[in-house]
N, C-alpha and C. Protein backbone atom coordinates (compact mmCIF):
# COMPACT_ATOMS: atom_id res chain seq x y z
N MET A 1 102.60 123.53 113.84
CA MET A 1 102.54 121.98 114.22
C MET A 1 102.06 122.53 112.40
N LEU A 2 102.84 121.85 111.70
CA LEU A 2 102.12 121.62 110.42
C LEU A 2 101.28 119.79 110.65
N SER A 3 100.22 120.54 110.06
CA SER A 3 99.32 118.70 109.58
C SER A 3 99.26 118.29 108.76
N LEU A 4 99.23 116.88 109.17
CA LEU A 4 99.08 115.90 107.89
C LEU A 4 98.60 116.37 106.59
N GLU A 5 97.75 116.88 106.69
CA GLU A 5 97.03 117.63 105.28
C GLU A 5 98.17 118.75 104.42
N GLU A 6 98.28 119.19 105.46
CA GLU A 6 99.82 120.22 105.13
C GLU A 6 100.90 119.60 104.74
N GLY A 7 101.74 118.59 105.29
CA GLY A 7 102.19 117.71 105.20
C GLY A 7 102.79 116.85 103.88
N THR A 8 101.30 116.81 103.63
CA THR A 8 100.71 116.22 102.01
C THR A 8 100.99 116.97 101.23
N PHE A 9 100.58 117.82 100.98
CA PHE A 9 100.40 118.50 100.11
C PHE A 9 102.13 119.38 99.39
N LEU A 10 103.04 119.15 100.59
CA LEU A 10 104.01 119.56 100.43
C LEU A 10 104.63 118.75 99.54
N VAL A 11 104.90 117.50 100.35
CA VAL A 11 105.32 116.35 99.82
C VAL A 11 104.75 116.42 98.10
N ARG A 12 103.52 115.78 97.29
CA ARG A 12 102.80 115.50 96.59
C ARG A 12 103.45 116.94 95.79
N LEU A 13 103.74 118.30 95.86
CA LEU A 13 104.06 119.89 95.88
C LEU A 13 105.74 118.93 95.34
N ALA A 14 106.56 118.03 95.92
CA ALA A 14 108.21 118.19 95.45
C ALA A 14 108.14 117.36 94.58
N ARG A 15 106.44 115.70 94.31
CA ARG A 15 106.73 115.38 93.47
C ARG A 15 106.57 115.43 92.00
N SER A 16 105.43 116.55 92.38
CA SER A 16 104.81 117.30 90.94
C SER A 16 105.76 118.12 90.27
N THR A 17 106.54 118.51 91.26
CA THR A 17 107.14 120.24 90.31
C THR A 17 108.51 118.69 90.07
N VAL A 18 109.61 118.04 90.10
CA VAL A 18 109.99 116.99 89.79
C VAL A 18 109.77 116.90 88.29
N THR A 19 108.00 115.99 88.56
CA THR A 19 107.52 115.44 87.25
C THR A 19 107.59 116.19 86.05
N ASN A 20 106.86 117.96 86.60
CA ASN A 20 107.00 118.49 85.45
C ASN A 20 108.51 119.33 85.05
N TYR A 21 109.12 119.09 85.95
CA TYR A 21 110.51 120.44 85.05
C TYR A 21 111.48 119.32 84.37
N LEU A 22 110.96 117.48 84.59
CA LEU A 22 111.60 116.94 84.11
C LEU A 22 111.08 116.60 82.65
N LYS A 23 109.60 116.62 82.36
CA LYS A 23 109.01 117.03 81.44
C LYS A 23 108.98 117.97 80.44
N GLU A 24 109.06 118.92 81.38
CA GLU A 24 108.84 120.03 80.33
C GLU A 24 109.82 121.49 80.66
N SER A 25 111.26 120.86 81.24
CA SER A 25 112.25 122.42 81.98
C SER A 25 112.18 123.05 82.46
N LYS A 26 110.87 123.02 83.14
CA LYS A 26 110.28 124.68 83.80
C LYS A 26 109.68 123.95 85.34
N LYS A 27 109.70 124.90 86.09
CA LYS A 27 108.78 124.60 87.79
C LYS A 27 107.43 125.21 87.16
N PRO A 28 106.12 123.81 87.29
CA PRO A 28 104.41 124.21 87.24
C PRO A 28 104.56 125.13 88.44
N VAL A 29 103.48 125.65 87.85
CA VAL A 29 102.36 126.58 88.94
C VAL A 29 101.63 125.93 90.06
N PRO A 30 102.15 126.15 91.27
CA PRO A 30 101.79 125.30 92.22
C PRO A 30 100.02 125.57 92.81
N PRO A 31 99.43 124.61 93.35
CA PRO A 31 98.14 124.44 93.01
C PRO A 31 97.82 125.19 94.63
N GLN A 32 96.57 125.56 94.94
CA GLN A 32 95.99 126.40 96.38
C GLN A 32 96.38 125.70 97.32
N PRO A 33 97.19 126.14 98.56
CA PRO A 33 97.83 125.48 99.48
C PRO A 33 96.78 125.33 100.47
N PRO A 34 96.08 123.92 101.38
CA PRO A 34 95.10 123.80 102.18
C PRO A 34 95.05 124.67 103.15
N SER A 35 96.37 126.17 103.43
CA SER A 35 96.55 126.73 104.24
C SER A 35 97.73 127.92 104.01
N PRO A 36 97.46 128.78 104.25
CA PRO A 36 98.11 130.43 104.40
C PRO A 36 99.28 129.95 104.70
N ARG A 37 99.25 129.37 105.97
CA ARG A 37 100.69 129.35 106.72
C ARG A 37 102.25 128.39 105.72
N LEU A 38 101.68 127.92 104.69
CA LEU A 38 102.71 127.61 103.45
C LEU A 38 103.30 128.57 103.16
N TYR A 39 102.50 129.62 102.68
CA TYR A 39 103.25 130.90 101.96
C TYR A 39 103.94 131.54 102.96
N GLU A 40 104.21 131.23 104.24
CA GLU A 40 105.28 132.01 105.08
C GLU A 40 106.51 131.36 105.20
N LYS A 41 107.50 132.53 105.63
CA LYS A 41 108.97 132.01 104.67
C LYS A 41 109.00 131.23 105.97
N SER A 42 109.72 129.65 105.88
CA SER A 42 110.47 128.87 106.65
C SER A 42 111.43 128.47 105.75
N GLY A 43 112.48 127.68 106.38
CA GLY A 43 113.97 127.02 105.58
C GLY A 43 113.01 125.06 105.25
N ALA A 44 113.67 125.08 104.52
CA ALA A 44 113.10 123.29 104.35
C ALA A 44 113.82 122.65 103.09
N PHE A 45 113.85 121.14 104.02
CA PHE A 45 114.88 120.60 102.12
C PHE A 45 114.11 119.58 102.32
N VAL A 46 114.68 118.82 100.58
CA VAL A 46 113.68 117.72 100.11
C VAL A 46 114.75 116.57 99.55
N THR A 47 114.39 115.50 100.29
CA THR A 47 115.04 114.75 100.28
C THR A 47 114.39 113.48 99.09
N ILE A 48 115.38 112.67 98.15
CA ILE A 48 114.70 111.58 97.26
C ILE A 48 115.27 110.79 97.64
N GLU A 49 114.88 109.06 98.12
CA GLU A 49 115.25 108.02 98.23
C GLU A 49 115.26 106.75 97.00
N LYS A 50 115.52 106.16 96.75
CA LYS A 50 115.77 105.10 95.38
C LYS A 50 115.66 103.44 96.63
N LEU A 51 113.46 103.54 96.55
CA LEU A 51 113.35 102.28 97.07
C LEU A 51 114.04 100.87 96.63
N ILE A 52 115.07 99.95 96.95
CA ILE A 52 115.50 98.82 97.35
C ILE A 52 115.08 97.59 97.72
N GLY A 53 113.67 97.09 97.90
CA GLY A 53 113.62 96.25 98.97
C GLY A 53 112.83 96.95 99.84
N GLU A 54 113.15 96.96 101.26
CA GLU A 54 112.49 97.65 102.34
C GLU A 54 113.85 98.57 102.56
N GLU A 55 115.07 98.75 101.54
CA GLU A 55 116.07 99.82 102.61
C GLU A 55 115.93 101.00 101.02
N ARG A 56 115.92 102.01 101.90
CA ARG A 56 116.33 103.43 101.18
C ARG A 56 117.49 103.93 100.99
N ILE A 57 117.78 103.97 99.59
CA ILE A 57 119.34 104.04 99.57
C ILE A 57 119.08 106.07 99.10
N LEU A 58 120.27 106.77 99.97
CA LEU A 58 119.86 108.24 99.34
C LEU A 58 120.19 108.50 98.02
N ARG A 59 119.16 109.23 97.30
CA ARG A 59 119.14 109.81 96.21
C ARG A 59 119.95 111.35 95.51
N GLY A 60 118.92 112.27 96.69
CA GLY A 60 119.73 113.70 96.72
C GLY A 60 119.16 114.35 97.87
N CYS A 61 119.69 115.24 98.18
CA CYS A 61 119.12 116.24 99.29
C CYS A 61 119.91 117.30 99.02
N ILE A 62 118.91 118.54 98.90
CA ILE A 62 119.09 119.93 99.09
C ILE A 62 117.89 120.63 99.86
N GLY A 63 118.83 121.63 100.14
CA GLY A 63 117.50 122.20 100.85
C GLY A 63 117.86 123.97 101.37
N TYR A 64 117.34 125.02 102.24
CA TYR A 64 117.32 126.07 102.47
C TYR A 64 117.74 125.50 103.75
N PRO A 65 118.53 125.95 104.69
CA PRO A 65 118.36 126.06 105.89
C PRO A 65 117.94 126.94 106.45
N LEU A 66 117.71 128.19 105.74
CA LEU A 66 116.99 129.86 106.20
C LEU A 66 116.09 129.59 105.94
N PRO A 67 114.81 130.54 106.83
CA PRO A 67 113.69 131.13 106.45
C PRO A 67 113.98 132.32 105.19
N HIS A 68 113.91 131.93 103.72
CA HIS A 68 114.27 133.26 103.37
C HIS A 68 113.20 133.54 102.36
N LEU A 69 112.61 132.40 101.87
CA LEU A 69 112.19 132.26 100.77
C LEU A 69 109.92 131.78 101.69
N PRO A 70 109.00 131.75 101.03
CA PRO A 70 108.06 131.18 101.53
C PRO A 70 108.06 129.58 101.59
N LEU A 71 107.67 128.78 102.48
CA LEU A 71 107.45 127.60 102.40
C LEU A 71 107.48 126.44 101.25
N ILE A 72 105.87 127.30 100.13
CA ILE A 72 105.86 126.52 99.26
C ILE A 72 107.30 126.48 98.09
N GLU A 73 107.84 127.86 98.05
CA GLU A 73 108.94 127.47 96.75
C GLU A 73 110.03 127.60 97.19
N ALA A 74 110.05 127.25 98.54
CA ALA A 74 111.37 126.71 99.31
C ALA A 74 111.51 125.03 98.86
N VAL A 75 110.03 124.33 98.71
CA VAL A 75 110.02 123.18 98.73
C VAL A 75 110.27 123.21 97.51
N MET A 76 109.56 123.75 96.17
CA MET A 76 109.79 123.44 94.67
C MET A 76 111.13 123.91 94.39
N GLU A 77 112.21 125.35 95.24
CA GLU A 77 113.03 125.32 94.75
C GLU A 77 114.26 123.82 95.21
N SER A 78 113.95 123.10 96.76
CA SER A 78 115.08 122.24 96.39
C SER A 78 114.48 120.89 95.81
N ALA A 79 112.91 120.89 95.08
CA ALA A 79 113.09 119.42 95.30
C ALA A 79 114.10 118.97 93.49
N ILE A 80 114.08 120.48 92.96
CA ILE A 80 114.67 120.79 91.60
C ILE A 80 116.09 120.65 91.69
N SER A 81 116.67 121.19 92.83
CA SER A 81 117.70 120.95 93.06
C SER A 81 118.23 119.75 93.74
N ALA A 82 117.10 119.54 94.37
CA ALA A 82 117.89 117.42 95.23
C ALA A 82 117.85 116.31 93.65
N ALA A 83 117.36 116.72 93.12
CA ALA A 83 116.62 115.80 92.21
C ALA A 83 117.66 115.84 90.10
N LEU A 84 118.09 117.38 90.32
CA LEU A 84 119.03 117.56 89.10
C LEU A 84 120.57 118.40 89.95
N GLU A 85 120.87 118.37 90.66
CA GLU A 85 121.83 119.58 91.56
C GLU A 85 122.58 119.01 92.52
N ASP A 86 122.17 117.66 93.11
CA ASP A 86 123.10 117.04 93.88
C ASP A 86 124.18 116.46 93.47
N PRO A 87 125.12 116.96 94.21
CA PRO A 87 127.22 117.31 93.20
C PRO A 87 127.23 115.87 93.93
N ARG A 88 127.09 114.29 94.33
CA ARG A 88 127.18 113.74 94.82
C ARG A 88 126.09 112.77 93.14
N PHE A 89 125.10 112.91 93.20
CA PHE A 89 124.46 112.50 92.38
C PHE A 89 124.34 112.20 91.22
N PRO A 90 124.30 111.97 90.11
CA PRO A 90 123.13 112.13 89.12
C PRO A 90 121.81 112.47 88.91
N PRO A 91 122.01 113.85 87.63
CA PRO A 91 120.40 113.89 87.62
C PRO A 91 120.13 112.93 87.83
N LEU A 92 118.59 113.42 88.13
CA LEU A 92 117.60 111.54 88.22
C LEU A 92 117.33 112.19 86.43
N LYS A 93 116.61 111.02 86.48
CA LYS A 93 115.86 110.60 85.59
C LYS A 93 114.14 110.66 85.47
N ILE A 94 113.23 111.09 84.68
CA ILE A 94 112.21 110.33 84.63
C ILE A 94 111.42 109.12 84.79
N ASP A 95 112.48 107.91 84.63
CA ASP A 95 112.27 107.14 84.44
C ASP A 95 112.13 106.68 86.13
N GLU A 96 113.28 106.92 86.63
CA GLU A 96 113.45 106.65 88.05
C GLU A 96 112.22 107.31 88.91
N LEU A 97 111.69 108.35 88.59
CA LEU A 97 110.29 108.44 89.40
C LEU A 97 109.78 107.22 89.86
N LYS A 98 109.38 106.53 89.23
CA LYS A 98 108.33 105.34 90.25
C LYS A 98 109.55 104.57 90.60
N GLU A 99 110.67 104.82 91.40
CA GLU A 99 111.28 103.98 91.61
C GLU A 99 111.95 104.72 93.51
N VAL A 100 111.09 106.37 93.36
CA VAL A 100 111.93 106.89 94.77
C VAL A 100 110.97 107.67 95.53
N VAL A 101 111.24 108.14 96.83
CA VAL A 101 110.38 108.26 97.59
C VAL A 101 110.73 109.78 97.55
N PHE A 102 109.90 110.65 98.05
CA PHE A 102 110.33 112.02 97.95
C PHE A 102 110.06 112.12 99.26
N GLU A 103 110.42 113.30 100.42
CA GLU A 103 110.49 113.17 101.50
C GLU A 103 110.73 115.50 102.29
N VAL A 104 109.66 115.74 102.33
CA VAL A 104 110.36 117.08 103.02
C VAL A 104 110.62 117.01 104.70
N SER A 105 111.51 117.89 104.84
CA SER A 105 111.59 118.21 105.80
C SER A 105 111.44 119.89 106.19
N VAL A 106 110.78 120.67 106.90
CA VAL A 106 110.54 121.56 107.31
C VAL A 106 111.10 122.22 108.04
N LEU A 107 112.10 123.52 108.38
CA LEU A 107 112.63 123.47 109.63
C LEU A 107 112.31 125.04 110.36
N THR A 108 112.76 124.41 111.67
CA THR A 108 113.22 125.53 112.65
C THR A 108 113.97 126.56 112.03
N PRO A 109 114.26 127.93 112.47
CA PRO A 109 115.24 128.18 112.17
C PRO A 109 116.54 128.52 113.29
N PRO A 110 118.00 128.12 112.80
CA PRO A 110 118.67 126.68 113.60
C PRO A 110 119.13 128.58 115.28
N THR A 111 119.80 127.67 116.32
CA THR A 111 119.33 128.63 117.05
C THR A 111 121.25 128.19 117.34
N LEU A 112 122.33 129.42 118.08
CA LEU A 112 123.55 129.01 118.33
C LEU A 112 123.71 127.97 119.64
N LEU A 113 124.13 127.47 119.61
CA LEU A 113 124.44 126.93 121.42
C LEU A 113 125.68 127.40 122.01
N ARG A 114 125.24 127.80 122.67
CA ARG A 114 126.38 129.02 123.70
C ARG A 114 126.99 127.51 124.70
N VAL A 115 128.01 127.58 124.67
CA VAL A 115 129.33 126.75 126.18
C VAL A 115 130.12 127.17 126.72
N ASN A 116 130.65 126.61 127.82
CA ASN A 116 131.52 127.82 128.18
C ASN A 116 132.65 126.20 128.19
N ASP A 117 132.28 124.83 127.80
CA ASP A 117 133.68 124.27 127.11
C ASP A 117 132.85 123.49 126.11
N PRO A 118 133.42 123.41 124.96
CA PRO A 118 133.33 122.19 123.61
C PRO A 118 132.55 121.28 123.89
N LYS A 119 133.27 120.60 125.04
CA LYS A 119 132.98 118.98 125.84
C LYS A 119 131.42 118.78 126.20
N GLU A 120 131.14 120.31 126.40
CA GLU A 120 129.50 119.72 127.24
C GLU A 120 128.18 119.68 125.21
N TYR A 121 129.21 119.69 124.44
CA TYR A 121 128.02 119.53 123.45
C TYR A 121 126.96 118.87 123.15
N PRO A 122 127.67 117.52 123.59
CA PRO A 122 126.71 116.27 123.45
C PRO A 122 125.41 116.34 124.43
N LYS A 123 125.80 116.57 125.33
CA LYS A 123 124.83 116.79 127.23
C LYS A 123 123.78 117.94 126.07
N ARG A 124 124.06 118.89 125.19
CA ARG A 124 123.16 120.22 125.14
C ARG A 124 122.42 119.36 123.78
N ILE A 125 122.68 118.23 122.70
CA ILE A 125 121.98 118.18 121.40
C ILE A 125 120.91 116.53 122.38
N ARG A 126 120.26 116.93 120.98
CA ARG A 126 119.10 115.15 121.35
C ARG A 126 119.00 114.88 119.83
N VAL A 127 120.11 113.78 119.91
CA VAL A 127 119.65 112.70 119.23
C VAL A 127 118.09 112.02 118.75
N GLY A 128 117.47 112.85 117.30
CA GLY A 128 116.02 112.18 117.62
C GLY A 128 114.93 113.42 117.48
N ARG A 129 115.30 114.47 117.74
CA ARG A 129 115.37 115.84 118.19
C ARG A 129 115.45 117.36 117.27
N ASP A 130 117.00 117.30 117.64
CA ASP A 130 117.95 118.08 116.63
C ASP A 130 118.57 117.98 115.69
N GLY A 131 118.41 118.71 114.89
CA GLY A 131 119.23 118.69 113.46
C GLY A 131 120.64 119.63 113.21
N LEU A 132 121.64 119.43 113.38
CA LEU A 132 122.90 120.17 113.50
C LEU A 132 123.25 120.92 112.29
N VAL A 133 124.07 122.41 112.73
CA VAL A 133 124.45 123.05 111.96
C VAL A 133 126.08 123.21 112.46
N VAL A 134 127.15 122.69 111.54
CA VAL A 134 128.23 123.79 111.97
C VAL A 134 128.85 124.50 111.31
N GLU A 135 129.56 125.58 112.01
CA GLU A 135 130.01 126.95 111.21
C GLU A 135 131.62 126.83 111.46
N MET A 136 132.85 126.42 110.43
CA MET A 136 134.23 127.23 111.38
C MET A 136 134.52 127.82 110.11
N GLY A 137 134.75 129.08 110.30
CA GLY A 137 135.07 129.97 108.83
C GLY A 137 134.97 129.86 107.54
N PHE A 138 134.89 129.42 106.58
CA PHE A 138 134.52 128.90 104.72
C PHE A 138 133.54 127.47 105.61
N TYR A 139 133.66 127.13 105.92
CA TYR A 139 133.49 125.74 106.70
C TYR A 139 131.82 125.12 106.93
N LYS A 140 131.06 124.56 106.25
CA LYS A 140 130.03 125.28 107.07
C LYS A 140 129.08 123.39 106.90
N GLY A 141 128.82 122.82 107.69
CA GLY A 141 128.00 121.16 107.81
C GLY A 141 126.54 121.28 108.06
N LEU A 142 125.47 120.76 107.27
CA LEU A 142 124.26 120.70 108.21
C LEU A 142 124.07 119.07 108.39
N LEU A 143 123.25 118.62 108.92
CA LEU A 143 122.98 116.96 109.31
C LEU A 143 121.41 117.26 109.48
N LEU A 144 120.14 116.74 108.93
CA LEU A 144 119.09 117.05 109.21
C LEU A 144 119.03 116.22 110.60
N PRO A 145 117.71 116.09 111.19
CA PRO A 145 117.36 115.25 112.81
C PRO A 145 117.31 114.59 111.84
N GLN A 146 116.69 113.60 111.12
CA GLN A 146 116.58 112.74 111.29
C GLN A 146 117.43 111.88 110.57
N VAL A 147 118.54 112.15 109.91
CA VAL A 147 120.30 110.73 109.76
C VAL A 147 120.00 110.82 111.27
N PRO A 148 120.52 110.90 112.49
CA PRO A 148 121.45 110.25 113.13
C PRO A 148 120.46 108.96 113.65
N VAL A 149 119.40 109.20 114.06
CA VAL A 149 118.19 108.44 113.86
C VAL A 149 118.18 107.12 112.77
N GLU A 150 118.38 106.95 111.78
CA GLU A 150 118.64 106.30 111.05
C GLU A 150 119.68 106.01 110.38
N TYR A 151 120.74 106.21 111.02
CA TYR A 151 122.28 105.43 111.63
C TYR A 151 122.49 105.12 112.52
N GLY A 152 121.59 105.23 113.53
CA GLY A 152 121.80 104.94 115.88
C GLY A 152 123.43 105.75 115.88
N TRP A 153 123.74 106.70 115.11
CA TRP A 153 124.98 107.41 116.10
C TRP A 153 124.46 108.03 117.15
N ASP A 154 125.16 108.04 118.12
CA ASP A 154 125.51 108.83 119.56
C ASP A 154 125.01 110.47 119.19
N GLU A 155 125.08 110.85 120.25
CA GLU A 155 125.65 112.61 120.38
C GLU A 155 126.89 112.86 119.59
N GLU A 156 128.09 112.25 119.95
CA GLU A 156 129.45 112.80 119.75
C GLU A 156 129.34 112.38 117.95
N THR A 157 128.50 110.69 117.93
CA THR A 157 128.90 110.75 116.23
C THR A 157 128.66 111.91 115.83
N PHE A 158 127.25 112.32 115.95
CA PHE A 158 126.72 112.94 115.04
C PHE A 158 127.31 114.04 115.14
N LEU A 159 127.76 115.05 115.99
CA LEU A 159 128.64 116.64 116.04
C LEU A 159 129.69 115.84 114.72
N SER A 160 130.30 114.52 115.01
CA SER A 160 131.85 114.32 114.83
C SER A 160 131.43 114.29 112.99
N GLU A 161 130.42 113.88 112.48
CA GLU A 161 129.84 113.24 110.98
C GLU A 161 129.31 114.86 110.46
N CYS A 162 128.63 115.41 111.63
CA CYS A 162 128.76 117.21 110.84
C CYS A 162 129.43 117.43 110.89
N CYS A 163 130.52 117.43 111.30
CA CYS A 163 132.30 118.36 111.07
C CYS A 163 132.54 117.38 109.66
N MET A 164 132.70 116.42 109.78
CA MET A 164 133.37 115.73 108.51
C MET A 164 132.19 116.34 107.26
N LYS A 165 131.18 115.97 107.14
CA LYS A 165 130.26 116.72 106.15
C LYS A 165 130.20 118.02 105.80
N ALA A 166 131.06 118.99 106.83
CA ALA A 166 131.53 120.71 106.94
C ALA A 166 132.55 119.94 106.04
N GLY A 167 133.57 119.19 106.00
CA GLY A 167 135.11 119.18 105.49
C GLY A 167 136.28 119.27 106.59
N LEU A 168 135.34 119.05 107.37
CA LEU A 168 136.07 119.24 108.66
C LEU A 168 136.52 118.02 109.37
N PRO A 169 137.94 117.95 110.28
CA PRO A 169 137.85 116.61 111.36
C PRO A 169 137.03 116.06 111.52
N PRO A 170 136.67 115.29 111.85
CA PRO A 170 135.45 114.73 112.98
C PRO A 170 135.87 115.09 114.62
N ASP A 171 137.12 115.75 114.99
CA ASP A 171 137.33 115.84 116.44
C ASP A 171 137.18 118.11 116.84
N SER A 172 136.35 117.93 115.13
CA SER A 172 136.62 119.82 115.22
C SER A 172 135.42 120.15 115.99
N TRP A 173 134.82 119.62 116.48
CA TRP A 173 133.51 120.14 117.59
C TRP A 173 134.67 120.12 118.55
N LEU A 174 135.60 120.02 119.03
CA LEU A 174 136.07 119.77 120.63
C LEU A 174 136.39 121.21 120.23
N SER A 175 136.78 122.22 119.52
CA SER A 175 137.73 123.29 119.19
C SER A 175 135.99 125.08 119.02
N ARG A 176 137.15 125.49 120.47
CA ARG A 176 136.10 126.45 120.16
C ARG A 176 136.13 127.86 119.30
N ASP A 177 136.94 127.29 118.19
CA ASP A 177 136.29 128.14 117.26
C ASP A 177 134.88 127.57 116.09
N LEU A 178 134.75 126.68 116.79
CA LEU A 178 133.72 125.66 116.17
C LEU A 178 132.47 126.43 116.17
N LYS A 179 131.17 127.08 115.90
CA LYS A 179 130.18 127.36 115.96
C LYS A 179 129.25 126.29 115.42
N VAL A 180 128.43 125.46 116.85
CA VAL A 180 128.09 124.62 116.89
C VAL A 180 126.03 125.70 116.50
N TYR A 181 125.04 124.76 116.02
CA TYR A 181 123.58 125.22 116.04
C TYR A 181 122.71 124.21 115.86
N VAL A 182 121.64 124.30 116.38
CA VAL A 182 120.40 123.09 116.61
C VAL A 182 119.34 123.32 115.83
N PHE A 183 118.09 123.12 115.04
CA PHE A 183 117.41 123.00 114.72
C PHE A 183 116.16 121.87 115.04
N THR A 184 114.98 122.20 115.08
CA THR A 184 114.03 120.97 114.96
C THR A 184 113.77 121.26 113.59
N ALA A 185 112.84 119.86 113.24
CA ALA A 185 112.11 119.70 111.96
C ALA A 185 110.94 119.08 111.84
N GLU A 186 110.08 119.10 110.96
CA GLU A 186 108.78 118.17 110.91
C GLU A 186 108.95 117.15 109.77
N VAL A 187 109.00 116.77 109.89
CA VAL A 187 109.16 115.53 108.50
C VAL A 187 107.79 114.84 107.51
N PHE A 188 107.62 114.93 106.55
CA PHE A 188 106.88 113.65 105.91
C PHE A 188 107.37 113.48 104.19
N THR A 189 106.61 112.20 104.70
CA THR A 189 107.66 111.30 103.64
C THR A 189 106.73 110.36 102.88
N GLU A 190 106.64 109.85 101.50
CA GLU A 190 106.11 109.16 101.09
C GLU A 190 106.31 107.36 101.48
N THR A 191 105.53 106.88 101.82
CA THR A 191 105.35 105.01 101.66
C THR A 191 105.56 104.53 100.91
N SER A 192 105.71 105.12 99.73
CA SER A 192 106.33 104.01 98.83
C SER A 192 105.90 105.64 97.02
N PRO A 193 106.69 105.09 96.23
CA PRO A 193 107.05 105.95 94.90
C PRO A 193 105.30 106.69 95.08
N GLY A 194 104.83 107.37 95.09
CA GLY A 194 103.89 108.77 94.85
C GLY A 194 103.19 108.26 95.64
N GLY A 195 103.24 107.33 96.60
CA GLY A 195 101.97 107.05 97.64
C GLY A 195 102.14 107.57 98.83
N GLU A 196 100.90 106.61 99.58
CA GLU A 196 100.05 107.09 101.04
C GLU A 196 101.35 107.86 101.72
N VAL A 197 101.55 109.31 102.03
CA VAL A 197 101.83 110.45 103.13
C VAL A 197 101.90 110.45 104.37
N VAL A 198 103.27 110.08 105.05
CA VAL A 198 103.32 109.94 106.24
C VAL A 198 104.13 110.98 107.57
N GLN A 199 103.27 111.13 108.19
CA GLN A 199 104.50 111.96 109.63
C GLN A 199 105.33 111.29 110.01
N LYS A 200 107.25 111.28 109.39
CA LYS A 200 107.61 110.90 110.10
C LYS A 200 108.10 111.29 111.51
N LYS A 201 108.03 109.92 112.12
CA LYS A 201 108.18 109.94 113.88
C LYS A 201 109.92 109.84 114.50
N LEU A 202 110.22 110.28 114.82
CA LEU A 202 112.09 110.58 115.09
C LEU A 202 112.31 110.12 116.27
N MET A 203 111.52 109.58 117.32
CA MET A 203 111.69 109.61 118.92
C MET A 203 110.71 108.30 119.16
């Protein structure tokens, strides 16, 4: 479990990394972290959302599902990619920084769900706890655990949406050729652009 201090450090790091990169086209040297745990390898995603009134509109989300990099590096790399390389959006401009909030999700390694019948999957996952990765051949999709909570999906809808994220038909989760992995995440987010950081409660 990460502390709020550690989560705040990671969110601030994501914002400062993007700010520095937009100004100088290079990553900053990260400040000393509050804990050596932040040097441990971990999966991480950075989500950028635009605030329009009380509503948050996705502006970019990219990360590393697997623990290939130290957490600090994973957050910095993900922040730059979310801001500039998400193919769904144009690159973030520096004047947008005052309009967006940063969110960091720290992931556990995905675990393969083994079932006798794919119809068991909805009973084996839990909205508000699990994130999903689905995989079939070259097709692969991931949805963070906060996504179904924000959209009010049930478990079957969550599975279907993750299949579509992978570029597959929504009912592909009923195929025995599909692999389903679950993971959990600790999520820390700004309450306003550059403002207070809180841990997001998903359940």
